[in-house]
Amino acid sequence: MTDIIAQVDTSTTTTASVEEELNVNSETQLASPAVVESINDIANVDTTTNGLTTGSILIYRTTTNKWTASTTLDAQNMEGGEF
């Protein structure tokens, strides 16, 4: 049984054609997955404003649209429950 090759062209209108051939060469161009080695490598994380120190957490700031490292909870509502 021969191999079947399908080719789709989407330049102006979508067309497809199927041909039978004996020899098939296949090539795939896949990008390597992104590797994050440090939190500083993430685009929307700001670790320079307050620096990274022991106990830092990431807090989202709508004014900058970034996650910012901080050791202070200054805009959170905390519910302590009842005792």
N, C-alpha and C. Protein backbone atom coordinates (compact mmCIF):
# COMPACT_ATOMS: atom_id res chain seq x y z
N MET A 1 0.84 -1.17 0.00
CA MET A 1 0.00 0.00 0.00
C MET A 1 0.89 1.24 0.00
N THR A 2 0.55 2.21 -0.81
CA THR A 2 1.35 3.42 -0.90
C THR A 2 0.92 4.43 0.16
N ASP A 3 1.84 5.35 0.49
CA ASP A 3 1.53 6.41 1.44
C ASP A 3 0.62 7.44 0.81
N ILE A 4 -0.22 8.05 1.63
CA ILE A 4 -1.11 9.10 1.17
C ILE A 4 -0.65 10.41 1.78
N ILE A 5 -0.48 11.44 0.97
CA ILE A 5 -0.02 12.74 1.42
C ILE A 5 -1.15 13.74 1.23
N ALA A 6 -1.44 14.51 2.29
CA ALA A 6 -2.46 15.56 2.20
C ALA A 6 -1.75 16.90 2.33
N GLN A 7 -2.18 17.87 1.53
CA GLN A 7 -1.59 19.19 1.57
C GLN A 7 -2.72 20.21 1.64
N VAL A 8 -2.62 21.12 2.62
CA VAL A 8 -3.64 22.15 2.80
C VAL A 8 -3.00 23.51 2.55
N ASP A 9 -3.63 24.30 1.68
CA ASP A 9 -3.14 25.64 1.37
C ASP A 9 -4.17 26.64 1.85
N THR A 10 -3.75 27.56 2.74
CA THR A 10 -4.68 28.54 3.31
C THR A 10 -4.33 29.96 2.89
N SER A 11 -3.68 30.15 1.74
CA SER A 11 -3.23 31.48 1.34
C SER A 11 -4.39 32.44 1.16
N THR A 12 -5.37 32.16 0.34
CA THR A 12 -6.53 33.04 0.19
C THR A 12 -7.83 32.31 0.50
N THR A 13 -7.93 31.12 0.00
CA THR A 13 -9.07 30.26 0.33
C THR A 13 -8.50 28.92 0.77
N THR A 14 -9.24 28.21 1.56
CA THR A 14 -8.75 26.92 2.05
C THR A 14 -9.02 25.85 1.00
N THR A 15 -7.95 25.23 0.54
CA THR A 15 -8.08 24.13 -0.39
C THR A 15 -7.26 22.95 0.12
N ALA A 16 -7.62 21.78 -0.28
CA ALA A 16 -6.87 20.60 0.14
C ALA A 16 -6.76 19.65 -1.05
N SER A 17 -5.64 18.97 -1.12
CA SER A 17 -5.46 17.97 -2.16
C SER A 17 -4.80 16.74 -1.55
N VAL A 18 -5.15 15.58 -2.06
CA VAL A 18 -4.58 14.33 -1.56
C VAL A 18 -3.98 13.59 -2.74
N GLU A 19 -2.73 13.16 -2.58
CA GLU A 19 -2.03 12.43 -3.62
C GLU A 19 -1.41 11.18 -3.04
N GLU A 20 -1.25 10.18 -3.87
CA GLU A 20 -0.55 8.97 -3.45
C GLU A 20 0.87 9.02 -4.00
N GLU A 21 1.84 8.75 -3.14
CA GLU A 21 3.23 8.72 -3.55
C GLU A 21 3.92 7.52 -2.93
N LEU A 22 5.02 7.11 -3.52
CA LEU A 22 5.76 5.98 -3.00
C LEU A 22 6.76 6.41 -1.94
N ASN A 23 7.42 7.53 -2.11
CA ASN A 23 8.42 8.01 -1.16
C ASN A 23 7.89 9.23 -0.43
N VAL A 24 8.02 9.20 0.88
CA VAL A 24 7.53 10.32 1.68
C VAL A 24 8.65 10.81 2.59
N ASN A 25 8.91 12.10 2.54
CA ASN A 25 9.84 12.72 3.47
C ASN A 25 9.03 13.60 4.40
N SER A 26 9.21 13.41 5.68
CA SER A 26 8.45 14.17 6.67
C SER A 26 9.38 15.05 7.47
N GLU A 27 8.98 16.30 7.67
CA GLU A 27 9.78 17.22 8.46
C GLU A 27 8.84 17.99 9.38
N THR A 28 9.22 18.11 10.63
CA THR A 28 8.41 18.82 11.60
C THR A 28 9.25 19.91 12.24
N GLN A 29 8.71 21.11 12.30
CA GLN A 29 9.39 22.24 12.93
C GLN A 29 8.68 22.55 14.24
N LEU A 30 9.16 22.00 15.33
CA LEU A 30 8.57 22.24 16.64
C LEU A 30 9.50 23.10 17.47
N ALA A 31 8.93 24.08 18.14
CA ALA A 31 9.73 24.93 19.02
C ALA A 31 10.00 24.19 20.32
N SER A 32 11.15 24.44 20.89
CA SER A 32 11.47 23.85 22.18
C SER A 32 10.57 24.47 23.25
N PRO A 33 10.15 23.68 24.23
CA PRO A 33 9.31 24.24 25.28
C PRO A 33 10.09 25.26 26.12
N ALA A 34 9.38 26.25 26.63
CA ALA A 34 10.02 27.27 27.46
C ALA A 34 10.49 26.65 28.77
N VAL A 35 11.65 27.05 29.20
CA VAL A 35 12.21 26.56 30.46
C VAL A 35 12.34 27.74 31.41
N VAL A 36 11.75 27.61 32.57
CA VAL A 36 11.84 28.65 33.59
C VAL A 36 12.81 28.16 34.66
N GLU A 37 13.96 28.82 34.73
CA GLU A 37 14.96 28.44 35.71
C GLU A 37 14.90 29.31 36.95
N SER A 38 14.26 30.48 36.84
CA SER A 38 14.17 31.41 37.95
C SER A 38 12.86 32.17 37.84
N ILE A 39 12.34 32.61 38.97
CA ILE A 39 11.11 33.40 38.94
C ILE A 39 11.34 34.71 38.19
N ASN A 40 12.57 35.17 38.11
CA ASN A 40 12.90 36.38 37.36
C ASN A 40 12.73 36.19 35.86
N ASP A 41 12.67 34.94 35.37
CA ASP A 41 12.51 34.66 33.95
C ASP A 41 11.07 34.80 33.47
N ILE A 42 10.12 34.97 34.39
CA ILE A 42 8.72 35.08 34.02
C ILE A 42 8.42 36.54 33.71
N ALA A 43 7.78 36.79 32.56
CA ALA A 43 7.62 38.15 32.04
C ALA A 43 6.82 39.07 32.96
N ASN A 44 5.75 38.61 33.57
CA ASN A 44 4.91 39.53 34.34
C ASN A 44 5.14 39.41 35.85
N VAL A 45 6.37 39.10 36.25
CA VAL A 45 6.73 39.04 37.66
C VAL A 45 7.81 40.09 37.93
N ASP A 46 7.54 40.97 38.91
CA ASP A 46 8.48 42.03 39.27
C ASP A 46 9.12 41.67 40.61
N THR A 47 10.41 41.35 40.57
CA THR A 47 11.13 41.04 41.80
C THR A 47 12.15 42.12 42.12
N THR A 48 12.20 43.18 41.31
CA THR A 48 13.19 44.22 41.53
C THR A 48 12.69 45.34 42.43
N THR A 49 11.39 45.62 42.44
CA THR A 49 10.86 46.74 43.23
C THR A 49 11.12 46.55 44.72
N ASN A 50 10.73 45.40 45.26
CA ASN A 50 10.92 45.14 46.69
C ASN A 50 12.04 44.13 46.95
N GLY A 51 12.58 43.55 45.91
CA GLY A 51 13.63 42.55 46.07
C GLY A 51 13.07 41.22 46.54
N LEU A 52 13.89 40.21 46.50
CA LEU A 52 13.51 38.89 47.00
C LEU A 52 14.18 38.67 48.34
N THR A 53 13.38 38.46 49.36
CA THR A 53 13.90 38.17 50.69
C THR A 53 13.17 36.97 51.25
N THR A 54 13.70 36.40 52.31
CA THR A 54 13.05 35.27 52.95
C THR A 54 11.65 35.67 53.39
N GLY A 55 10.67 34.89 53.04
CA GLY A 55 9.28 35.17 53.40
C GLY A 55 8.52 35.95 52.35
N SER A 56 9.15 36.27 51.22
CA SER A 56 8.45 37.02 50.17
C SER A 56 7.34 36.18 49.56
N ILE A 57 6.26 36.85 49.19
CA ILE A 57 5.16 36.22 48.46
C ILE A 57 4.88 37.07 47.23
N LEU A 58 4.19 36.50 46.26
CA LEU A 58 3.83 37.26 45.06
C LEU A 58 2.42 37.81 45.23
N ILE A 59 2.26 39.12 45.02
CA ILE A 59 0.98 39.81 45.12
C ILE A 59 0.71 40.47 43.78
N TYR A 60 -0.50 40.26 43.24
CA TYR A 60 -0.84 40.85 41.95
C TYR A 60 -1.23 42.31 42.13
N ARG A 61 -0.64 43.18 41.33
CA ARG A 61 -0.92 44.62 41.37
C ARG A 61 -1.61 45.02 40.07
N THR A 62 -2.85 45.50 40.16
CA THR A 62 -3.57 45.92 38.96
C THR A 62 -2.99 47.20 38.37
N THR A 63 -2.29 47.99 39.16
CA THR A 63 -1.70 49.23 38.63
C THR A 63 -0.57 48.95 37.66
N THR A 64 0.14 47.84 37.84
CA THR A 64 1.25 47.49 36.95
C THR A 64 0.95 46.26 36.10
N ASN A 65 -0.16 45.57 36.41
CA ASN A 65 -0.50 44.31 35.75
C ASN A 65 0.62 43.28 35.89
N LYS A 66 1.24 43.27 37.06
CA LYS A 66 2.33 42.33 37.34
C LYS A 66 2.18 41.73 38.73
N TRP A 67 2.80 40.58 38.88
CA TRP A 67 2.95 39.97 40.20
C TRP A 67 4.20 40.58 40.82
N THR A 68 4.07 41.09 42.05
CA THR A 68 5.18 41.77 42.71
C THR A 68 5.56 41.04 43.97
N ALA A 69 6.86 40.83 44.17
CA ALA A 69 7.34 40.19 45.39
C ALA A 69 7.20 41.17 46.54
N SER A 70 6.67 40.69 47.67
CA SER A 70 6.48 41.56 48.83
C SER A 70 6.48 40.71 50.10
N THR A 71 6.82 41.34 51.20
CA THR A 71 6.71 40.68 52.51
C THR A 71 5.59 41.31 53.33
N THR A 72 4.86 42.27 52.73
CA THR A 72 3.79 42.97 53.43
C THR A 72 2.46 42.74 52.73
N LEU A 73 1.46 42.33 53.48
CA LEU A 73 0.10 42.23 52.96
C LEU A 73 -0.58 43.56 53.24
N ASP A 74 -0.68 44.42 52.22
CA ASP A 74 -1.19 45.77 52.46
C ASP A 74 -2.55 46.03 51.83
N ALA A 75 -3.09 45.12 51.04
CA ALA A 75 -4.36 45.36 50.39
C ALA A 75 -5.31 44.16 50.50
N GLN A 76 -5.03 43.24 51.39
CA GLN A 76 -5.81 42.02 51.50
C GLN A 76 -6.84 42.12 52.61
N ASN A 77 -7.97 41.49 52.41
CA ASN A 77 -8.98 41.36 53.46
C ASN A 77 -8.82 39.98 54.08
N MET A 78 -8.58 39.96 55.37
CA MET A 78 -8.35 38.71 56.07
C MET A 78 -9.55 38.39 56.93
N GLU A 79 -10.00 37.15 56.88
CA GLU A 79 -11.09 36.67 57.73
C GLU A 79 -10.49 35.74 58.76
N GLY A 80 -10.56 36.12 60.01
CA GLY A 80 -9.97 35.32 61.08
C GLY A 80 -10.90 34.27 61.66
N GLY A 81 -12.17 34.32 61.30
CA GLY A 81 -13.11 33.34 61.82
C GLY A 81 -13.59 33.71 63.22
N GLU A 82 -14.26 32.77 63.85
CA GLU A 82 -14.78 32.99 65.19
C GLU A 82 -14.12 32.02 66.16
N PHE A 83 -13.87 32.50 67.37
CA PHE A 83 -13.23 31.66 68.38
C PHE A 83 -14.10 31.54 69.59
